[in-house]
Amino acid sequence: MAASTFAFKAVDPTGFPHKGLVKGETKQAATDELKARGLTVMAVDEKGSGLKFEIALPQRIKPADLTVMTRQLATMVSSGLTLMRSFHVLEEQIEHKKLKETVEKVREDIETGLLLSDSLARHPKVFNPLYVAMVRAGEAGGILEEALSRTADQLEKDDSLRRQVKSAMMYPAVIMTFAGIVLFALIAFIVPVFAGVFADFGGELPLITKVTVAMSDVAKGQWYLFVFGIPGALIGFKKLRNSEFGRPKWDAFRLKIPMKIGATVQKIALARWSRTFSSLYAAGVPIMQAIEVTGQTAGNTVIQRAMENVIESVKSGGSIAAPLKEAPVFPVMVAQMVAVGEETGGLDAMLSKVADFYEDEVEAAVKALTSILEPIMIVLVGGVVGFVVIAMYMPMLKLYDSIQ
């Protein structure tokens, strides 16, 4: 007999209410399962099994949602609530469906006796290695609430950095999209009108006009190349960029982009690296694990490879600063400050200062980058329109010259 799903309401020995879903072959079997958990059953009802057609769009858990959840969990744990009770409260409060389901699964794992960090590690798409390492260190040191607060702070810093970059990239993205739409509209609807006039003129058309007319023919006859080709190319580029082969090359290329873009990318990576390393070290994460997790969450494979060299140095009894001096992605100032932190025993404080410095640098660099991109985008849009206009008027000017 296939197991059915039942919705239940119950209370635990402390009087705290519980509700959710439980599976069982019969209603009595589901009730017995709840009693075995130590719950006093208030109601058990079988869920309807009729056919349902639902379109479930994939939900992405935003960093802000995860930050709020972590902050709430830290507050409840520090107030004396048990993990089980805290997670039950979270399930009641969280509105994001996917995050709610994840929290429910973590709570079920904890019920079976699993550590919180091990439960979180089962959901790597939601809780990254940094999150898991911070919680594991908090569990080991008996300071879980402090570790959760530090994790929430780290998530807030990362989210703030990410939003700064997105806001800077929004303007050029909108302008590029607008320029593409304008170009397609011109070659698909305006150029064909001129092409008919040029056919009546006869004679040889200028090269720039031939190119524009050819683009117009493609836009009219093979429009699907634009509609499907451009999105396909973007998807292909994204997959290549995220592949094991393409990601290291893309990360290295980003650091070398001119017009201060590469320098800004470097500052963003350094700000994330130093903040993560500082948080892990201050939370009591073992140094080898802290270095490894920092490399994994830096967001740039160039820094990740540099961290592999740092691990080798520490294993052989060397320092953290020495390999950093040899890595071009780390400025001399960073290596020197890390060296001072190691010598004085204040590595976490020194890394925090580095993070503060580069976060301020990123904010200033993003503003400067935006001011540089604005005139470039204006010139680009003007160039797109100007190219088509010149291409259409050159045959007329050539005809005018021949008449004279």
Protein backbone atom coordinates (compact mmCIF):
# COMPACT_ATOMS: atom_id res chain seq x y z
CA MET A 1 0.00 0.00 0.00
CA ALA A 2 1.40 3.35 -1.04
CA ALA A 3 2.06 5.85 1.73
CA SER A 4 -0.24 8.86 1.92
CA THR A 5 0.61 12.38 3.05
CA PHE A 6 -1.16 13.83 6.09
CA ALA A 7 -1.24 17.40 7.42
CA PHE A 8 -0.95 17.52 11.19
CA LYS A 9 -1.15 19.85 14.17
CA ALA A 10 0.51 18.89 17.44
CA VAL A 11 2.30 20.22 20.52
CA ASP A 12 5.56 19.10 22.12
CA PRO A 13 6.08 18.39 25.86
CA THR A 14 6.89 22.08 26.44
CA GLY A 15 3.59 23.15 24.91
CA PHE A 16 5.16 24.54 21.74
CA PRO A 17 2.86 24.09 18.69
CA HIS A 18 3.97 22.13 15.61
CA LYS A 19 2.37 21.68 12.23
CA GLY A 20 3.50 20.20 8.95
CA LEU A 21 3.30 17.06 6.84
CA VAL A 22 3.89 13.42 7.71
CA LYS A 23 3.69 10.27 5.59
CA GLY A 24 1.99 7.01 6.54
CA GLU A 25 0.04 4.16 5.04
CA THR A 26 -2.96 5.04 7.20
CA LYS A 27 -4.10 7.90 9.41
CA GLN A 28 -3.35 5.78 12.48
CA ALA A 29 0.18 5.04 11.21
CA ALA A 30 0.80 8.77 10.74
CA THR A 31 -0.51 9.45 14.27
CA ASP A 32 1.76 6.75 15.71
CA GLU A 33 4.74 8.30 13.89
CA LEU A 34 4.00 11.68 15.48
CA LYS A 35 3.62 10.14 18.93
CA ALA A 36 6.96 8.41 18.45
CA ARG A 37 8.47 11.87 18.02
CA GLY A 38 7.16 12.83 21.45
CA LEU A 39 4.32 15.01 20.13
CA THR A 40 0.76 15.22 21.36
CA VAL A 41 -1.43 15.04 18.26
CA MET A 42 -4.21 17.61 17.92
CA ALA A 43 -5.35 16.90 14.33
CA VAL A 44 -4.34 14.69 11.38
CA ASP A 45 -5.98 15.10 7.97
CA GLU A 46 -5.11 13.41 4.69
CA LYS A 47 -4.14 15.78 1.89
CA GLY A 48 -6.21 15.65 -1.29
CA SER A 49 -4.81 13.39 -4.01
CA GLY A 50 -6.66 14.85 -6.98
CA LEU A 51 -4.76 15.76 -10.09
CA LYS A 52 -3.19 19.19 -9.85
CA PHE A 53 -1.54 21.11 -12.59
CA GLU A 54 0.87 23.69 -11.28
CA ILE A 55 3.52 25.66 -13.04
CA ALA A 56 6.35 25.89 -10.54
CA LEU A 57 8.93 28.43 -11.59
CA PRO A 58 12.39 27.91 -10.09
CA GLN A 59 12.91 30.15 -7.08
CA ARG A 60 16.25 31.68 -6.25
CA ILE A 61 17.06 32.37 -2.64
CA LYS A 62 18.25 35.96 -2.41
CA PRO A 63 21.17 36.82 -0.11
CA ALA A 64 18.87 39.20 1.79
CA ASP A 65 16.45 36.35 2.60
CA LEU A 66 19.28 34.15 3.85
CA THR A 67 20.71 37.02 5.90
CA VAL A 68 17.40 37.71 7.64
CA MET A 69 16.94 34.01 8.39
CA THR A 70 20.45 33.77 9.85
CA ARG A 71 19.97 36.89 11.95
CA GLN A 72 16.67 35.56 13.32
CA LEU A 73 18.24 32.20 14.15
CA ALA A 74 21.15 33.90 15.96
CA THR A 75 18.70 36.02 18.00
CA MET A 76 16.60 33.04 19.03
CA VAL A 77 19.61 30.88 19.97
CA SER A 78 21.12 33.71 22.03
CA SER A 79 17.74 34.12 23.79
CA GLY A 80 17.95 30.54 25.06
CA LEU A 81 15.69 28.76 22.59
CA THR A 82 16.78 25.30 21.52
CA LEU A 83 17.76 24.69 17.91
CA MET A 84 14.67 22.56 17.34
CA ARG A 85 12.31 25.22 18.65
CA SER A 86 14.17 27.96 16.76
CA PHE A 87 13.80 26.10 13.49
CA HIS A 88 10.11 25.52 14.09
CA VAL A 89 9.67 29.27 14.56
CA LEU A 90 11.65 29.92 11.37
CA GLU A 91 9.39 27.56 9.43
CA GLU A 92 6.39 29.58 10.61
CA GLN A 93 7.93 32.94 9.68
CA ILE A 94 9.75 32.31 6.37
CA GLU A 95 7.62 33.12 3.32
CA HIS A 96 10.12 32.15 0.60
CA LYS A 97 9.01 28.67 -0.49
CA LYS A 98 12.40 27.19 -1.34
CA LEU A 99 14.11 28.57 1.77
CA LYS A 100 11.21 27.33 3.90
CA GLU A 101 11.57 23.83 2.42
CA THR A 102 15.33 23.89 3.04
CA VAL A 103 14.88 24.98 6.67
CA GLU A 104 12.34 22.18 7.13
CA LYS A 105 14.82 19.60 5.80
CA VAL A 106 17.57 20.95 8.06
CA ARG A 107 15.22 20.70 11.05
CA GLU A 108 14.37 17.10 10.14
CA ASP A 109 18.09 16.26 9.97
CA ILE A 110 18.66 17.81 13.40
CA GLU A 111 15.78 15.70 14.75
CA THR A 112 17.67 12.58 13.69
CA GLY A 113 20.69 13.69 15.75
CA LEU A 114 22.75 15.38 13.03
CA LEU A 115 24.81 18.46 13.89
CA LEU A 116 23.56 21.77 12.50
CA SER A 117 26.71 22.25 10.41
CA ASP A 118 26.39 18.76 8.91
CA SER A 119 22.72 19.43 8.14
CA LEU A 120 23.58 22.70 6.40
CA ALA A 121 26.34 20.99 4.39
CA ARG A 122 23.67 18.82 2.76
CA HIS A 123 22.36 21.93 0.97
CA PRO A 124 25.43 23.47 -0.74
CA LYS A 125 23.31 25.52 -3.16
CA VAL A 126 21.84 27.43 -0.21
CA PHE A 127 24.61 27.33 2.40
CA ASN A 128 28.07 27.85 0.92
CA PRO A 129 31.32 26.50 2.48
CA LEU A 130 31.83 29.78 4.35
CA TYR A 131 28.44 29.48 6.05
CA VAL A 132 29.02 25.84 7.01
CA ALA A 133 32.57 26.48 8.28
CA MET A 134 31.45 29.41 10.46
CA VAL A 135 28.63 27.37 12.01
CA ARG A 136 30.90 24.36 12.56
CA ALA A 137 33.43 26.56 14.35
CA GLY A 138 30.66 28.03 16.50
CA GLU A 139 29.45 24.55 17.45
CA ALA A 140 32.97 23.40 18.33
CA GLY A 141 33.66 26.48 20.46
CA GLY A 142 30.24 26.63 22.13
CA ILE A 143 29.56 30.07 20.65
CA LEU A 144 26.97 29.20 18.00
CA GLU A 145 24.97 32.42 18.45
CA GLU A 146 28.12 34.53 17.96
CA ALA A 147 29.10 32.50 14.89
CA LEU A 148 25.63 32.97 13.40
CA SER A 149 25.80 36.73 14.02
CA ARG A 150 29.21 36.88 12.31
CA THR A 151 27.82 34.88 9.41
CA ALA A 152 24.88 37.29 9.05
CA ASP A 153 27.32 40.23 9.08
CA GLN A 154 29.41 38.55 6.38
CA LEU A 155 26.33 37.90 4.24
CA GLU A 156 25.29 41.55 4.58
CA LYS A 157 28.75 42.75 3.51
CA ASP A 158 28.78 40.43 0.50
CA ASP A 159 25.29 41.49 -0.51
CA SER A 160 26.21 45.18 -0.21
CA LEU A 161 29.27 44.63 -2.40
CA ARG A 162 27.22 42.70 -4.95
CA ARG A 163 24.55 45.41 -5.11
CA GLN A 164 27.17 48.09 -5.75
CA VAL A 165 28.51 46.17 -8.73
CA LYS A 166 25.03 45.43 -10.10
CA SER A 167 24.01 49.08 -9.85
CA ALA A 168 27.14 50.09 -11.78
CA MET A 169 26.48 47.53 -14.52
CA MET A 170 22.77 48.33 -14.85
CA TYR A 171 23.29 51.54 -16.85
CA PRO A 172 25.55 50.08 -19.57
CA ALA A 173 23.34 46.99 -19.80
CA VAL A 174 20.24 49.11 -20.43
CA ILE A 175 22.06 51.29 -22.97
CA MET A 176 23.48 48.27 -24.83
CA THR A 177 20.02 46.70 -25.00
CA PHE A 178 18.51 49.97 -26.24
CA ALA A 179 21.25 50.33 -28.86
CA GLY A 180 20.60 46.79 -30.08
CA ILE A 181 16.85 47.41 -30.39
CA VAL A 182 17.42 50.69 -32.25
CA LEU A 183 19.88 49.05 -34.65
CA PHE A 184 17.50 46.16 -35.38
CA ALA A 185 14.56 48.55 -35.93
CA LEU A 186 16.60 50.68 -38.34
CA ILE A 187 17.90 47.81 -40.47
CA ALA A 188 14.58 45.91 -40.44
CA PHE A 189 12.16 48.76 -41.21
CA ILE A 190 14.02 51.89 -42.40
CA VAL A 191 16.83 50.47 -44.53
CA PRO A 192 14.48 48.43 -46.83
CA VAL A 193 12.76 51.69 -47.87
CA PHE A 194 16.08 53.20 -48.92
CA ALA A 195 17.16 49.91 -50.55
CA GLY A 196 14.22 50.17 -52.96
CA VAL A 197 15.26 53.71 -53.91
CA PHE A 198 18.88 52.60 -54.43
CA ALA A 199 17.70 49.86 -56.82
CA ASP A 200 16.11 52.55 -59.01
CA PHE A 201 19.36 54.55 -59.00
CA GLY A 202 21.44 51.71 -60.43
CA GLY A 203 25.21 51.79 -60.29
CA GLU A 204 27.65 50.56 -57.67
CA LEU A 205 26.76 51.20 -54.02
CA PRO A 206 29.43 52.23 -51.47
CA LEU A 207 30.79 49.39 -49.30
CA ILE A 208 29.22 50.73 -46.09
CA THR A 209 25.82 50.80 -47.82
CA LYS A 210 26.25 47.25 -49.14
CA VAL A 211 27.00 46.03 -45.62
CA THR A 212 23.95 47.78 -44.19
CA VAL A 213 21.63 46.48 -46.94
CA ALA A 214 22.99 42.95 -46.42
CA MET A 215 22.24 43.25 -42.69
CA SER A 216 18.73 44.41 -43.58
CA ASP A 217 18.18 41.38 -45.82
CA VAL A 218 19.25 39.07 -43.01
CA ALA A 219 16.98 40.88 -40.53
CA LYS A 220 13.99 40.45 -42.85
CA GLY A 221 14.67 36.98 -44.27
CA GLN A 222 16.51 35.27 -41.41
CA TRP A 223 15.11 37.18 -38.43
CA TYR A 224 15.30 34.03 -36.34
CA LEU A 225 19.10 34.36 -36.37
CA PHE A 226 18.71 37.51 -34.26
CA VAL A 227 15.84 36.22 -32.11
CA PHE A 228 17.47 32.89 -31.24
CA GLY A 229 21.11 33.45 -32.16
CA ILE A 230 21.86 36.30 -29.73
CA PRO A 231 20.25 34.63 -26.66
CA GLY A 232 21.90 31.34 -27.68
CA ALA A 233 25.30 33.02 -27.91
CA LEU A 234 24.81 34.62 -24.49
CA ILE A 235 23.80 31.30 -22.91
CA GLY A 236 26.75 29.54 -24.56
CA PHE A 237 29.13 32.22 -23.31
CA LYS A 238 27.75 31.91 -19.78
CA LYS A 239 28.19 28.13 -19.80
CA LEU A 240 31.73 28.44 -21.14
CA ARG A 241 32.54 31.13 -18.58
CA ASN A 242 31.38 28.87 -15.73
CA SER A 243 33.07 25.71 -17.03
CA GLU A 244 36.30 24.30 -15.59
CA PHE A 245 38.08 25.23 -18.82
CA GLY A 246 36.70 28.72 -19.30
CA ARG A 247 36.40 30.09 -15.79
CA PRO A 248 40.15 30.46 -15.03
CA LYS A 249 40.71 32.20 -18.37
CA TRP A 250 37.72 34.49 -17.87
CA ASP A 251 38.77 35.41 -14.32
CA ALA A 252 42.31 36.20 -15.48
CA PHE A 253 40.96 38.26 -18.41
CA ARG A 254 38.64 40.30 -16.15
CA LEU A 255 41.62 41.47 -14.11
CA LYS A 256 43.27 42.87 -17.27
CA ILE A 257 40.33 44.78 -18.78
CA PRO A 258 41.39 48.41 -19.46
CA MET A 259 39.65 51.65 -18.45
CA LYS A 260 39.96 50.78 -14.75
CA ILE A 261 37.48 47.92 -15.10
CA GLY A 262 40.13 45.29 -14.33
CA ALA A 263 41.36 47.30 -11.32
CA THR A 264 37.81 47.49 -10.00
CA VAL A 265 37.35 43.73 -10.41
CA GLN A 266 40.59 43.20 -8.46
CA LYS A 267 39.44 45.47 -5.62
CA ILE A 268 36.11 43.64 -5.40
CA ALA A 269 37.88 40.27 -5.19
CA LEU A 270 40.32 41.55 -2.55
CA ALA A 271 37.51 43.06 -0.45
CA ARG A 272 35.60 39.77 -0.48
CA TRP A 273 38.77 37.74 0.21
CA SER A 274 39.92 39.81 3.19
CA ARG A 275 36.44 40.06 4.74
CA THR A 276 35.86 36.31 4.43
CA PHE A 277 39.31 35.41 5.78
CA SER A 278 38.86 37.80 8.70
CA SER A 279 35.42 36.41 9.60
CA LEU A 280 36.58 32.78 9.46
CA TYR A 281 39.73 33.44 11.48
CA ALA A 282 37.87 35.45 14.12
CA ALA A 283 35.21 32.73 14.41
CA GLY A 284 37.88 30.20 15.36
CA VAL A 285 37.90 28.19 12.13
CA PRO A 286 41.17 26.20 11.86
CA ILE A 287 43.67 28.16 9.77
CA MET A 288 44.02 25.54 7.02
CA GLN A 289 40.27 25.25 6.59
CA ALA A 290 39.88 29.05 6.73
CA ILE A 291 42.41 29.48 3.90
CA GLU A 292 40.73 26.78 1.80
CA VAL A 293 37.21 28.17 2.29
CA THR A 294 38.43 31.70 1.59
CA GLY A 295 39.82 30.56 -1.76
CA GLN A 296 36.60 28.73 -2.64
CA THR A 297 34.38 31.74 -1.87
CA ALA A 298 36.62 34.52 -3.24
CA GLY A 299 34.76 34.49 -6.55
CA ASN A 300 37.95 34.47 -8.64
CA THR A 301 40.05 31.42 -9.57
CA VAL A 302 43.23 33.54 -9.64
CA ILE A 303 42.85 34.16 -5.90
CA GLN A 304 41.80 30.54 -5.37
CA ARG A 305 45.07 29.32 -6.91
CA ALA A 306 47.00 31.80 -4.78
CA MET A 307 45.33 30.29 -1.70
CA GLU A 308 46.52 26.84 -2.78
CA ASN A 309 50.08 28.19 -2.63
CA VAL A 310 49.36 29.67 0.80
CA ILE A 311 48.16 26.26 2.03
CA GLU A 312 51.38 24.63 0.82
CA SER A 313 53.41 27.34 2.56
CA VAL A 314 51.57 26.91 5.88
CA LYS A 315 51.84 23.11 5.69
CA SER A 316 55.60 23.38 5.35
CA GLY A 317 55.82 25.75 8.32
CA GLY A 318 55.98 28.96 6.31
CA SER A 319 53.92 32.13 6.57
CA ILE A 320 50.74 33.29 4.89
CA ALA A 321 52.27 36.55 3.69
CA ALA A 322 55.20 35.06 1.73
CA PRO A 323 53.10 33.43 -1.06
CA LEU A 324 50.91 36.54 -1.23
CA LYS A 325 53.97 38.66 -2.09
CA GLU A 326 54.61 36.40 -5.09
CA ALA A 327 51.00 36.52 -6.37
CA PRO A 328 50.46 39.50 -8.74
CA VAL A 329 46.79 39.77 -7.79
CA PHE A 330 47.74 40.81 -4.23
CA PRO A 331 49.22 44.33 -3.89
CA VAL A 332 52.32 44.78 -1.77
CA MET A 333 50.27 46.63 0.87
CA VAL A 334 48.04 43.59 1.46
CA ALA A 335 50.99 41.21 1.85
CA GLN A 336 52.73 43.60 4.24
CA MET A 337 49.62 44.08 6.41
CA VAL A 338 49.07 40.31 6.58
CA ALA A 339 52.73 39.88 7.60
CA VAL A 340 52.29 42.43 10.40
CA GLY A 341 49.08 40.67 11.49
CA GLU A 342 50.89 37.34 11.71
CA GLU A 343 53.77 38.83 13.70
CA THR A 344 51.53 40.65 16.21
CA GLY A 345 48.87 37.95 16.52
CA GLY A 346 46.17 40.28 15.24
CA LEU A 347 45.61 38.76 11.80
CA ASP A 348 41.81 39.01 11.96
CA ALA A 349 41.92 42.72 12.90
CA MET A 350 44.44 43.45 10.16
CA LEU A 351 42.37 41.59 7.56
CA SER A 352 39.30 43.49 8.69
CA LYS A 353 41.15 46.77 8.07
CA VAL A 354 42.15 45.56 4.61
CA ALA A 355 38.50 44.69 3.92
CA ASP A 356 37.30 48.13 5.09
CA PHE A 357 39.90 49.81 2.88
CA TYR A 358 39.01 47.89 -0.27
CA GLU A 359 35.26 48.18 0.30
CA ASP A 360 35.69 51.97 0.38
CA GLU A 361 37.91 51.68 -2.72
CA VAL A 362 35.24 49.65 -4.52
CA GLU A 363 32.58 52.26 -3.73
CA ALA A 364 34.78 55.05 -5.12
CA ALA A 365 35.85 52.94 -8.13
CA VAL A 366 32.26 52.06 -9.00
CA LYS A 367 31.28 55.74 -9.00
CA ALA A 368 34.29 56.61 -11.17
CA LEU A 369 33.54 53.71 -13.52
CA THR A 370 29.94 54.84 -13.91
CA SER A 371 31.06 58.37 -14.82
CA ILE A 372 33.47 56.93 -17.42
CA LEU A 373 30.90 54.56 -18.94
CA GLU A 374 28.19 57.19 -19.40
CA PRO A 375 29.93 59.16 -22.20
CA ILE A 376 31.17 55.91 -23.75
CA MET A 377 27.62 54.58 -23.95
CA ILE A 378 26.37 57.86 -25.45
CA VAL A 379 29.07 57.71 -28.12
CA LEU A 380 28.20 54.06 -28.79
CA VAL A 381 24.50 54.75 -29.36
CA GLY A 382 25.36 57.76 -31.50
CA GLY A 383 27.79 55.62 -33.49
CA VAL A 384 25.15 52.95 -34.15
CA VAL A 385 22.62 55.45 -35.43
CA GLY A 386 25.26 57.45 -37.28
CA PHE A 387 26.56 54.35 -39.07
CA VAL A 388 23.13 53.60 -40.55
CA VAL A 389 22.42 57.24 -41.43
CA ILE A 390 25.75 57.66 -43.24
CA ALA A 391 25.26 54.35 -45.05
CA MET A 392 21.87 55.51 -46.35
CA TYR A 393 22.95 58.99 -47.41
CA MET A 394 26.25 58.15 -49.11
CA PRO A 395 24.59 56.81 -52.33
CA MET A 396 22.48 59.98 -52.52
CA LEU A 397 25.54 62.19 -52.15
CA LYS A 398 27.33 60.11 -54.77
CA LEU A 399 24.38 60.54 -57.16
CA TYR A 400 24.30 64.27 -56.46
CA ASP A 401 28.01 64.56 -57.31
CA SER A 402 27.53 62.65 -60.57
CA ILE A 403 24.66 64.95 -61.61
CA GLN A 404 26.83 68.01 -61.04
